[in-house]
Amino acid sequence: MIHAPKAPSALDADAAAAYLAQAEKDCWQVPDLPAGTKPRPINKVGIIGAGTMGGGIAMNFANQGIPVTIVEAKPEALERGLGVVRRNYENSARRGRFPMEEVEKRMACLTGTLEFEALADCDLVIEAVFEDMGLKQKIFADLDRVCKPGAVLASNTSYLDVDQIASATNRPEDVIGMHFFSPANVMKLLEIVRGAKSAPDVVATALDVGRRIEKVAVVVGVCFGFVGNRMLFPRQDQANALIMEGAMPWDVDRVLREFGFRMGPFQMSDLAGLDIGWNAETSKGESLRDVLCEAGRRGQKTGKGYYDYDQDRTPQPSPEVEKLIRDFAAKLGRKTRSFKDDEILARLLYPMINEGAKILDEGIALRASDIDVVWVHGFRWPANTGGPMYYADQVGLAAIVESLEAMAADFPALAPAARLKALAAKDGRFTG
């Protein structure tokens, strides 16, 4: 039996707020960091990549008056990236967030260059290129060659193995993950990914940097996707499964919005672009994404993806997409049915909670409240529910275990995690 999730309105929002306030203090405490560990001094920062992420990261440091050297491979990419940063600052000044003269003050902190060797005197270098292990390892091998002894070498990877990245250097103790969330100049979370050989003072440095640039920092371990993205994957799997079983993308998105998320997974896909990683020449209609992209439905940028968009990019349910989905499901021999909102929500949320329990079992997160901080500040989980693990306690772990056991009949990977089952058996809780 799948138990209905609790509506946010049924929860004590004041209690959730108090819980999160404490969680945001606790996340800075790393129990196994030796007492008295001092951070390394960070007076100059290097950033590799002037794209959306690199530029946003740079703004965090320029906002605090910290000099930043931004390295790009091509002059047009560097010019474009710095131009976007300037426009962001000018827009903020027009909105009255700071005086217009502050724009030039902050831009003066940023130096763009095509010369990798310009990073030689940086105390911290953050790599912010796209997610390709070979490319990242090459960059870190170059950093090993160029950077001064004691420089902290950080990757902004969102899911790749930080230990594998560090192995490209002769100083893995200086390497750490510093995963910013997009837009990096707005989102508060900094996921600090501690590698197997990351030195204690490097972890302390990343935490200190997080404070200086006014982020909420959470230390996590190495695994595919770390905490945030790892928990996102099972939700996306279930969202994709639901639309093959009869729900429509706008049904799934609406249910999550009504729960309190700003956007559902299919709106997010349209915003990012359905054709990321898709190749028109090799596409054979083997997935729903192939079918949509082949039909020219590649997201907001083409005016149609899972949704149809008007000139203001307002999403509208698409009859064409509904037919494409139903035809594709029929081709796969899938039986479809109607869904109630409660079942959709349970299918999306409970697998995330289960993955959170596995993350705790594996020691990837130090505490359940850290997972909640990651999701509230990195993915905008509705704060009035306290985060996924706190919310699970309010629903009741026994009900979630029973629901996951029912789901596991069709999706074996959703079998309840050992920690979740153990806590449920003794009427326990993830959080205090």
Protein backbone atom coordinates (compact mmCIF):
# COMPACT_ATOMS: atom_id res chain seq x y z
CA MET A 1 0.00 0.00 0.00
CA ILE A 2 1.24 3.47 -0.88
CA HIS A 3 0.49 5.95 1.91
CA ALA A 4 -0.43 9.51 1.02
CA PRO A 5 2.21 12.14 1.85
CA LYS A 6 1.29 14.88 4.28
CA ALA A 7 0.40 18.27 2.84
CA PRO A 8 2.73 21.08 3.97
CA SER A 9 -0.30 22.85 5.47
CA ALA A 10 -0.70 19.92 7.87
CA LEU A 11 2.77 20.47 9.34
CA ASP A 12 3.96 22.82 12.07
CA ALA A 13 5.81 25.46 10.05
CA ASP A 14 7.25 27.13 13.17
CA ALA A 15 8.76 23.84 14.34
CA ALA A 16 10.22 23.25 10.87
CA ALA A 17 11.74 26.75 10.88
CA ALA A 18 13.32 26.20 14.29
CA TYR A 19 14.69 22.85 13.14
CA LEU A 20 16.23 24.38 9.99
CA ALA A 21 17.76 27.26 11.93
CA GLN A 22 19.59 24.75 14.12
CA ALA A 23 20.50 22.59 11.11
CA GLU A 24 22.11 25.62 9.45
CA LYS A 25 24.34 26.02 12.52
CA ASP A 26 25.14 22.33 12.89
CA CYS A 27 26.24 21.89 9.27
CA TRP A 28 29.39 23.93 9.93
CA GLN A 29 30.54 21.43 12.57
CA VAL A 30 32.74 18.61 11.26
CA PRO A 31 33.30 16.29 14.21
CA ASP A 32 36.37 14.51 12.85
CA LEU A 33 38.21 17.71 11.90
CA PRO A 34 41.07 17.98 14.44
CA ALA A 35 40.54 20.71 17.03
CA GLY A 36 42.42 23.88 16.23
CA THR A 37 42.75 23.15 12.50
CA LYS A 38 43.44 26.51 10.87
CA PRO A 39 42.36 27.38 7.33
CA ARG A 40 44.95 28.38 4.78
CA PRO A 41 44.97 32.10 3.92
CA ILE A 42 43.00 32.86 0.76
CA ASN A 43 43.78 36.30 -0.63
CA LYS A 44 43.56 35.62 -4.36
CA VAL A 45 41.29 33.21 -6.25
CA GLY A 46 41.52 31.69 -9.70
CA ILE A 47 38.55 30.36 -11.65
CA ILE A 48 38.80 28.20 -14.75
CA GLY A 49 35.85 28.85 -17.05
CA ALA A 50 33.92 32.08 -17.64
CA GLY A 51 30.60 30.45 -18.44
CA THR A 52 27.40 30.78 -16.44
CA MET A 53 28.80 28.83 -13.50
CA GLY A 54 32.32 30.27 -13.55
CA GLY A 55 31.06 33.83 -13.82
CA GLY A 56 28.57 33.31 -11.02
CA ILE A 57 31.25 31.83 -8.76
CA ALA A 58 33.54 34.77 -9.51
CA MET A 59 30.84 37.21 -8.42
CA ASN A 60 30.76 35.68 -4.94
CA PHE A 61 34.39 36.62 -4.42
CA ALA A 62 34.24 40.01 -6.13
CA ASN A 63 31.28 40.88 -3.87
CA GLN A 64 33.66 40.53 -0.92
CA GLY A 65 36.49 42.45 -2.55
CA ILE A 66 38.60 39.33 -3.16
CA PRO A 67 40.70 39.51 -6.37
CA VAL A 68 39.80 36.87 -8.95
CA THR A 69 41.65 35.72 -12.06
CA ILE A 70 39.34 34.08 -14.60
CA VAL A 71 40.95 31.84 -17.22
CA GLU A 72 39.25 30.96 -20.49
CA ALA A 73 40.44 29.13 -23.59
CA LYS A 74 38.95 31.52 -26.17
CA PRO A 75 38.82 35.34 -26.16
CA GLU A 76 35.18 35.49 -27.26
CA ALA A 77 34.13 33.20 -24.38
CA LEU A 78 36.05 35.34 -21.90
CA GLU A 79 34.55 38.57 -23.25
CA ARG A 80 31.05 37.08 -23.20
CA GLY A 81 31.46 35.79 -19.65
CA LEU A 82 32.73 39.07 -18.24
CA GLY A 83 29.96 40.88 -20.11
CA VAL A 84 27.32 38.72 -18.42
CA VAL A 85 28.85 39.45 -15.01
CA ARG A 86 28.79 43.19 -15.71
CA ARG A 87 25.14 43.05 -16.83
CA ASN A 88 24.22 41.12 -13.70
CA TYR A 89 25.85 43.77 -11.54
CA GLU A 90 24.26 46.63 -13.50
CA ASN A 91 20.83 45.02 -13.20
CA SER A 92 21.31 44.67 -9.44
CA ALA A 93 22.32 48.33 -9.18
CA ARG A 94 19.24 49.40 -11.15
CA ARG A 95 17.09 47.46 -8.70
CA GLY A 96 18.62 49.46 -5.88
CA ARG A 97 20.61 46.65 -4.29
CA PHE A 98 23.77 48.76 -4.27
CA PRO A 99 24.98 52.08 -5.81
CA MET A 100 25.91 52.08 -9.49
CA GLU A 101 29.53 52.97 -8.63
CA GLU A 102 29.74 49.64 -6.83
CA VAL A 103 29.55 47.94 -10.25
CA GLU A 104 32.98 49.23 -11.24
CA LYS A 105 34.40 48.45 -7.81
CA ARG A 106 33.35 44.82 -8.10
CA MET A 107 34.36 44.48 -11.76
CA ALA A 108 37.81 45.80 -10.81
CA CYS A 109 38.28 42.65 -8.71
CA LEU A 110 38.00 40.50 -11.83
CA THR A 111 40.88 39.92 -14.24
CA GLY A 112 40.25 37.89 -17.36
CA THR A 113 43.05 36.06 -19.15
CA LEU A 114 43.75 33.32 -21.67
CA GLU A 115 47.00 32.40 -19.91
CA PHE A 116 46.80 29.37 -17.61
CA GLU A 117 50.08 30.40 -15.97
CA ALA A 118 48.29 33.46 -14.54
CA LEU A 119 46.99 31.11 -11.82
CA ALA A 120 50.52 30.64 -10.42
CA ASP A 121 50.05 33.03 -7.49
CA CYS A 122 46.45 32.10 -6.59
CA ASP A 123 45.73 30.69 -3.13
CA LEU A 124 42.59 28.90 -4.30
CA VAL A 125 41.70 27.77 -7.82
CA ILE A 126 38.19 26.55 -8.67
CA GLU A 127 37.69 24.60 -11.89
CA ALA A 128 34.26 25.25 -13.44
CA VAL A 129 34.27 23.53 -16.83
CA PHE A 130 31.70 21.05 -18.15
CA GLU A 131 31.38 17.56 -16.69
CA ASP A 132 34.01 15.56 -18.54
CA MET A 133 36.43 13.52 -16.42
CA GLY A 134 39.20 13.54 -19.03
CA LEU A 135 39.06 17.32 -19.34
CA LYS A 136 39.02 17.83 -15.59
CA GLN A 137 41.97 15.51 -15.05
CA LYS A 138 43.97 17.36 -17.71
CA ILE A 139 43.16 20.68 -16.03
CA PHE A 140 44.20 19.38 -12.61
CA ALA A 141 47.44 17.97 -14.01
CA ASP A 142 48.12 21.46 -15.38
CA LEU A 143 47.20 23.04 -12.04
CA ASP A 144 49.63 20.69 -10.34
CA ARG A 145 52.34 22.01 -12.64
CA VAL A 146 51.45 25.72 -12.44
CA CYS A 147 50.10 26.44 -8.95
CA LYS A 148 52.29 27.31 -5.98
CA PRO A 149 52.77 24.84 -3.12
CA GLY A 150 49.89 24.97 -0.64
CA ALA A 151 47.33 26.29 -3.12
CA VAL A 152 43.90 24.72 -2.68
CA LEU A 153 42.71 23.09 -5.91
CA ALA A 154 38.92 22.76 -6.08
CA SER A 155 36.52 21.29 -8.59
CA ASN A 156 32.99 22.55 -9.04
CA THR A 157 31.91 19.13 -10.34
CA SER A 158 28.29 18.33 -9.54
CA TYR A 159 28.61 14.55 -9.62
CA LEU A 160 32.03 13.25 -10.76
CA ASP A 161 34.52 11.41 -8.53
CA VAL A 162 36.68 14.00 -6.74
CA ASP A 163 39.25 11.32 -5.83
CA GLN A 164 39.66 10.43 -9.49
CA ILE A 165 40.14 14.13 -10.30
CA ALA A 166 42.70 14.44 -7.49
CA SER A 167 44.63 11.43 -8.82
CA ALA A 168 45.76 13.55 -11.78
CA THR A 169 47.92 15.58 -9.37
CA ASN A 170 50.91 14.84 -7.14
CA ARG A 171 49.15 16.65 -4.28
CA PRO A 172 45.75 15.02 -3.74
CA GLU A 173 45.77 16.39 -0.18
CA ASP A 174 45.27 19.87 -1.67
CA VAL A 175 42.26 18.83 -3.79
CA ILE A 176 38.62 19.19 -2.73
CA GLY A 177 35.19 19.58 -4.31
CA MET A 178 33.46 22.95 -3.99
CA HIS A 179 30.09 22.42 -5.67
CA PHE A 180 28.19 25.67 -6.19
CA PHE A 181 24.56 25.63 -7.27
CA SER A 182 23.17 27.55 -10.23
CA PRO A 183 22.88 30.50 -10.36
CA ALA A 184 26.05 30.48 -8.26
CA ASN A 185 25.81 34.15 -7.34
CA VAL A 186 22.30 33.61 -5.92
CA MET A 187 21.97 30.10 -4.49
CA LYS A 188 23.17 29.83 -0.89
CA LEU A 189 24.42 26.25 -0.81
CA LEU A 190 28.06 25.23 -1.10
CA GLU A 191 28.49 21.44 -1.13
CA ILE A 192 32.06 20.79 0.07
CA VAL A 193 33.13 17.36 -1.19
CA ARG A 194 35.89 15.94 0.98
CA GLY A 195 38.08 13.52 -0.93
CA ALA A 196 39.78 10.49 0.61
CA LYS A 197 43.08 12.42 0.79
CA SER A 198 41.80 15.99 1.30
CA ALA A 199 43.89 17.50 4.10
CA PRO A 200 42.07 18.68 7.24
CA ASP A 201 43.23 22.28 6.71
CA VAL A 202 41.92 22.14 3.13
CA VAL A 203 38.47 21.16 4.45
CA ALA A 204 38.76 23.97 7.03
CA THR A 205 39.74 26.37 4.24
CA ALA A 206 36.72 25.46 2.13
CA LEU A 207 34.46 26.02 5.15
CA ASP A 208 36.13 29.37 5.88
CA VAL A 209 35.71 30.44 2.25
CA GLY A 210 32.05 29.47 2.45
CA ARG A 211 31.57 31.80 5.41
CA ARG A 212 33.47 34.65 3.76
CA ILE A 213 31.32 34.53 0.62
CA GLU A 214 28.13 34.15 2.69
CA LYS A 215 27.17 30.63 1.66
CA VAL A 216 25.68 27.81 3.72
CA ALA A 217 28.34 25.11 3.53
CA VAL A 218 27.82 21.37 4.03
CA VAL A 219 30.67 18.85 4.04
CA VAL A 220 29.85 15.62 2.19
CA GLY A 221 31.70 12.54 0.98
CA VAL A 222 32.53 11.23 -2.47
CA CYS A 223 29.91 9.27 -4.41
CA PHE A 224 28.17 9.78 -7.74
CA GLY A 225 26.09 12.96 -7.35
CA PHE A 226 27.19 13.52 -3.71
CA VAL A 227 24.07 14.36 -1.63
CA GLY A 228 21.94 16.71 -3.69
CA ASN A 229 22.13 15.28 -7.18
CA ARG A 230 22.27 11.69 -5.96
CA MET A 231 18.83 12.16 -4.37
CA LEU A 232 17.56 13.92 -7.48
CA PHE A 233 18.22 10.90 -9.72
CA PRO A 234 15.55 8.56 -8.22
CA ARG A 235 13.01 11.37 -8.34
CA GLN A 236 13.72 11.90 -12.01
CA ASP A 237 13.53 8.16 -12.67
CA GLN A 238 10.06 8.06 -11.12
CA ALA A 239 8.94 11.18 -12.96
CA ASN A 240 9.95 9.54 -16.25
CA ALA A 241 8.23 6.29 -15.25
CA LEU A 242 5.02 8.07 -14.30
CA ILE A 243 4.56 9.63 -17.74
CA MET A 244 5.04 6.21 -19.32
CA GLU A 245 2.28 4.89 -17.05
CA GLY A 246 -0.34 7.51 -17.87
CA ALA A 247 0.46 10.71 -15.97
CA MET A 248 1.36 13.74 -18.08
CA PRO A 249 4.40 16.00 -17.52
CA TRP A 250 2.18 18.88 -16.40
CA ASP A 251 0.48 16.61 -13.85
CA VAL A 252 3.84 15.69 -12.33
CA ASP A 253 5.10 19.28 -12.33
CA ARG A 254 1.88 20.65 -10.85
CA VAL A 255 1.93 18.17 -7.98
CA LEU A 256 5.46 19.21 -7.03
CA ARG A 257 4.61 22.92 -7.35
CA GLU A 258 1.59 22.46 -5.11
CA PHE A 259 3.86 20.77 -2.58
CA GLY A 260 6.01 23.90 -2.61
CA PHE A 261 8.71 23.49 -5.25
CA ARG A 262 9.11 26.40 -7.65
CA MET A 263 9.37 24.14 -10.68
CA GLY A 264 8.82 20.50 -11.60
CA PRO A 265 11.29 18.21 -13.39
CA PHE A 266 9.82 18.65 -16.87
CA GLN A 267 9.76 22.44 -16.64
CA MET A 268 13.37 22.20 -15.48
CA SER A 269 14.24 20.02 -18.47
CA ASP A 270 12.67 22.52 -20.86
CA LEU A 271 14.58 25.36 -19.20
CA ALA A 272 17.91 23.55 -19.48
CA GLY A 273 17.22 22.24 -22.99
CA LEU A 274 16.20 18.72 -23.93
CA ASP A 275 19.02 18.50 -26.45
CA ILE A 276 21.87 18.68 -23.94
CA GLY A 277 23.98 15.64 -24.82
CA TRP A 278 21.60 14.70 -27.65
CA ASN A 279 22.96 14.11 -31.16
CA ALA A 280 20.64 14.54 -34.15
CA GLU A 281 22.86 12.39 -36.36
CA THR A 282 22.82 9.36 -34.07
CA SER A 283 19.28 9.72 -32.65
CA LYS A 284 17.05 6.74 -33.46
CA GLY A 285 13.90 7.52 -31.50
CA GLU A 286 14.92 5.06 -28.79
CA SER A 287 13.87 7.30 -25.91
CA LEU A 288 11.11 9.82 -25.35
CA ARG A 289 13.71 12.56 -25.37
CA ASP A 290 14.86 11.37 -28.81
CA VAL A 291 11.26 11.52 -30.04
CA LEU A 292 10.73 15.03 -28.68
CA CYS A 293 14.01 16.39 -30.00
CA GLU A 294 13.46 14.81 -33.41
CA ALA A 295 10.11 16.63 -33.51
CA GLY A 296 11.93 19.92 -32.88
CA ARG A 297 10.74 20.07 -29.29
CA ARG A 298 14.00 20.98 -27.57
CA GLY A 299 12.82 23.22 -24.76
CA GLN A 300 12.10 26.87 -24.11
CA LYS A 301 14.74 27.99 -26.58
CA THR A 302 12.74 26.46 -29.47
CA GLY A 303 9.39 27.53 -28.04
CA LYS A 304 8.35 23.95 -27.36
CA GLY A 305 9.61 21.02 -25.33
CA TYR A 306 7.46 19.05 -22.91
CA TYR A 307 5.31 22.20 -22.97
CA ASP A 308 4.29 24.74 -25.59
CA TYR A 309 5.56 28.27 -24.87
CA ASP A 310 4.22 31.68 -25.85
CA GLN A 311 6.33 34.81 -26.43
CA ASP A 312 6.62 35.31 -22.67
CA ARG A 313 7.79 31.70 -22.24
CA THR A 314 4.67 30.79 -20.34
CA PRO A 315 4.28 26.97 -20.36
CA GLN A 316 1.07 25.41 -21.63
CA PRO A 317 0.17 21.68 -21.80
CA SER A 318 0.80 20.36 -25.29
CA PRO A 319 -1.68 18.07 -27.11
CA GLU A 320 1.16 17.08 -29.44
CA VAL A 321 3.33 15.96 -26.51
CA GLU A 322 0.46 14.03 -24.97
CA LYS A 323 0.06 12.11 -28.23
CA LEU A 324 3.81 11.54 -28.59
CA ILE A 325 3.99 10.17 -25.04
CA ARG A 326 0.98 7.90 -25.46
CA ASP A 327 2.25 6.61 -28.81
CA PHE A 328 5.71 5.95 -27.37
CA ALA A 329 4.26 4.14 -24.33
CA ALA A 330 2.11 2.00 -26.64
CA LYS A 331 5.17 1.18 -28.75
CA LEU A 332 6.85 -0.10 -25.58
CA GLY A 333 3.77 -2.10 -24.68
CA ARG A 334 3.11 -0.08 -21.52
CA LYS A 335 -0.33 -0.11 -19.94
CA THR A 336 -1.48 3.33 -18.87
CA ARG A 337 -3.88 4.46 -16.17
CA SER A 338 -4.94 7.57 -14.31
CA PHE A 339 -3.19 8.76 -11.14
CA LYS A 340 -4.30 10.63 -8.07
CA ASP A 341 -2.07 13.47 -6.95
CA ASP A 342 -1.14 11.75 -3.68
CA GLU A 343 0.27 8.75 -5.50
CA ILE A 344 2.29 10.94 -7.85
CA LEU A 345 3.74 12.84 -4.89
CA ALA A 346 4.58 9.65 -2.99
CA ARG A 347 6.30 8.18 -6.06
CA LEU A 348 8.45 11.32 -6.32
CA LEU A 349 9.29 12.01 -2.66
CA TYR A 350 9.62 8.63 -0.96
CA PRO A 351 12.43 7.34 -3.24
CA MET A 352 14.38 10.53 -2.44
CA ILE A 353 13.99 9.89 1.29
CA ASN A 354 15.10 6.30 0.76
CA GLU A 355 18.22 7.50 -1.06
CA GLY A 356 18.87 9.91 1.81
CA ALA A 357 18.80 6.95 4.22
CA LYS A 358 21.39 5.15 2.04
CA ILE A 359 23.56 8.27 2.04
CA LEU A 360 23.51 8.25 5.84
CA ASP A 361 24.26 4.51 5.92
CA GLU A 362 27.32 5.08 3.73
CA GLY A 363 28.56 8.07 5.72
CA ILE A 364 28.31 10.39 2.71
CA ALA A 365 26.42 12.90 4.87
CA LEU A 366 27.42 13.54 8.47
CA ARG A 367 23.86 13.95 9.73
CA ALA A 368 20.28 13.86 8.45
CA SER A 369 19.92 17.60 9.01
CA ASP A 370 22.83 18.20 6.58
CA ILE A 371 20.77 16.50 3.88
CA ASP A 372 17.90 18.84 4.66
CA VAL A 373 20.15 21.89 4.43
CA VAL A 374 21.43 20.71 1.03
CA TRP A 375 17.92 20.30 -0.32
CA VAL A 376 16.42 23.48 1.11
CA HIS A 377 19.32 25.72 0.02
CA GLY A 378 20.47 23.90 -3.11
CA PHE A 379 17.21 22.68 -4.66
CA ARG A 380 14.62 24.90 -2.95
CA TRP A 381 12.83 22.09 -1.19
CA PRO A 382 9.96 23.94 0.58
CA ALA A 383 11.46 25.21 3.83
CA ASN A 384 8.12 25.03 5.66
CA THR A 385 8.43 21.22 5.56
CA GLY A 386 11.96 21.24 7.03
CA GLY A 387 13.64 19.27 4.24
CA PRO A 388 13.23 15.68 3.04
CA MET A 389 14.49 13.86 6.14
CA TYR A 390 12.59 16.03 8.62
CA TYR A 391 9.51 15.71 6.42
CA ALA A 392 9.89 11.91 6.44
CA ASP A 393 9.71 11.97 10.23
CA GLN A 394 6.45 13.91 10.05
CA VAL A 395 4.92 11.47 7.58
CA GLY A 396 6.05 8.49 9.65
CA LEU A 397 8.86 6.14 8.66
CA ALA A 398 6.72 3.01 8.91
CA ALA A 399 4.30 4.44 6.33
CA ILE A 400 7.20 5.28 4.01
CA VAL A 401 8.68 1.78 4.39
CA GLU A 402 5.35 0.18 3.52
CA SER A 403 4.96 2.51 0.53
CA LEU A 404 8.45 1.75 -0.77
CA GLU A 405 7.86 -1.99 -0.42
CA ALA A 406 4.77 -1.58 -2.60
CA MET A 407 6.74 0.43 -5.18
CA ALA A 408 9.57 -2.11 -5.14
CA ALA A 409 7.26 -4.70 -6.69
CA ASP A 410 7.71 -2.79 -9.96
CA PHE A 411 11.00 -1.00 -9.14
CA PRO A 412 13.27 -3.30 -7.11
CA ALA A 413 15.81 -0.52 -6.56
CA LEU A 414 13.25 1.20 -4.33
CA ALA A 415 13.39 -1.51 -1.64
CA PRO A 416 13.65 0.31 1.71
CA ALA A 417 17.18 1.11 2.90
CA ALA A 418 18.50 -0.71 5.95
CA ARG A 419 18.58 2.42 8.11
CA LEU A 420 15.05 3.39 7.11
CA LYS A 421 13.72 -0.06 7.99
CA ALA A 422 15.60 -0.18 11.29
CA LEU A 423 14.32 3.22 12.39
CA ALA A 424 10.77 2.41 11.32
CA ALA A 425 10.83 -0.86 13.27
CA LYS A 426 11.47 0.97 16.53
CA ASP A 427 9.30 4.00 15.73
CA GLY A 428 12.47 6.07 15.35
CA ARG A 429 13.29 9.28 13.52
CA PHE A 430 16.01 10.59 11.24
CA THR A 431 16.07 13.94 13.05
CA GLY A 432 16.26 14.66 16.79
